[in-house]
Amino acid sequence: MDKLDKEILREIQKDGRLQLSKLAEILNRPRTTVATRLARLEGEKIVTSYRQ
């Protein structure tokens, strides 16, 4: 897990219902990059659920 993964986790911990496009905007990264990283985190069971 690198810095970007940690940034993604930090932001979704603040708001689990955050839209992917907004998350990418906050992180100043392409939407596809954030989507790929988030999918990997879910696949590795690091992210198991989302809460508001």
Protein backbone atom coordinates (compact mmCIF):
# COMPACT_ATOMS: atom_id res chain seq x y z
CA MET A 1 0.00 0.00 0.00
CA ASP A 2 1.47 3.33 -1.05
CA LYS A 3 0.70 6.98 -0.39
CA LEU A 4 -2.15 7.16 -2.92
CA ASP A 5 -3.85 4.10 -1.43
CA LYS A 6 -3.64 5.70 2.01
CA GLU A 7 -5.06 8.97 0.67
CA ILE A 8 -7.98 7.08 -0.91
CA LEU A 9 -8.67 5.27 2.37
CA ARG A 10 -8.52 8.50 4.34
CA GLU A 11 -11.04 10.21 2.07
CA ILE A 12 -13.51 7.31 1.96
CA GLN A 13 -13.30 7.02 5.74
CA LYS A 14 -14.49 10.63 5.91
CA ASP A 15 -17.37 9.96 3.50
CA GLY A 16 -18.03 6.46 2.21
CA ARG A 17 -20.66 7.74 -0.19
CA LEU A 18 -18.27 10.07 -1.97
CA GLN A 19 -18.66 9.81 -5.73
CA LEU A 20 -15.68 8.44 -7.60
CA SER A 21 -15.34 11.57 -9.73
CA LYS A 22 -15.33 13.78 -6.62
CA LEU A 23 -12.77 11.53 -4.93
CA ALA A 24 -10.52 11.80 -7.99
CA GLU A 25 -10.94 15.58 -7.95
CA ILE A 26 -10.01 15.80 -4.26
CA LEU A 27 -6.93 13.65 -4.83
CA ASN A 28 -6.06 15.47 -8.06
CA ARG A 29 -5.74 12.16 -9.92
CA PRO A 30 -7.44 10.73 -13.00
CA ARG A 31 -10.74 9.01 -12.30
CA THR A 32 -9.54 5.77 -13.89
CA THR A 33 -6.49 5.67 -11.62
CA VAL A 34 -8.62 6.11 -8.51
CA ALA A 35 -11.16 3.54 -9.73
CA THR A 36 -8.43 0.97 -10.38
CA ARG A 37 -6.84 1.55 -6.99
CA LEU A 38 -10.17 1.38 -5.19
CA ALA A 39 -11.12 -1.84 -6.98
CA ARG A 40 -7.79 -3.36 -5.95
CA LEU A 41 -8.32 -2.30 -2.32
CA GLU A 42 -11.76 -3.93 -2.43
CA GLY A 43 -10.34 -7.09 -4.05
CA GLU A 44 -7.67 -7.35 -1.37
CA LYS A 45 -10.40 -6.97 1.30
CA ILE A 46 -8.83 -3.79 2.64
CA VAL A 47 -12.12 -2.04 1.87
CA THR A 48 -15.01 -4.31 2.82
CA SER A 49 -17.94 -1.91 3.19
CA TYR A 50 -18.97 1.72 2.88
CA ARG A 51 -20.76 3.88 5.41
CA GLN A 52 -22.08 7.38 5.34
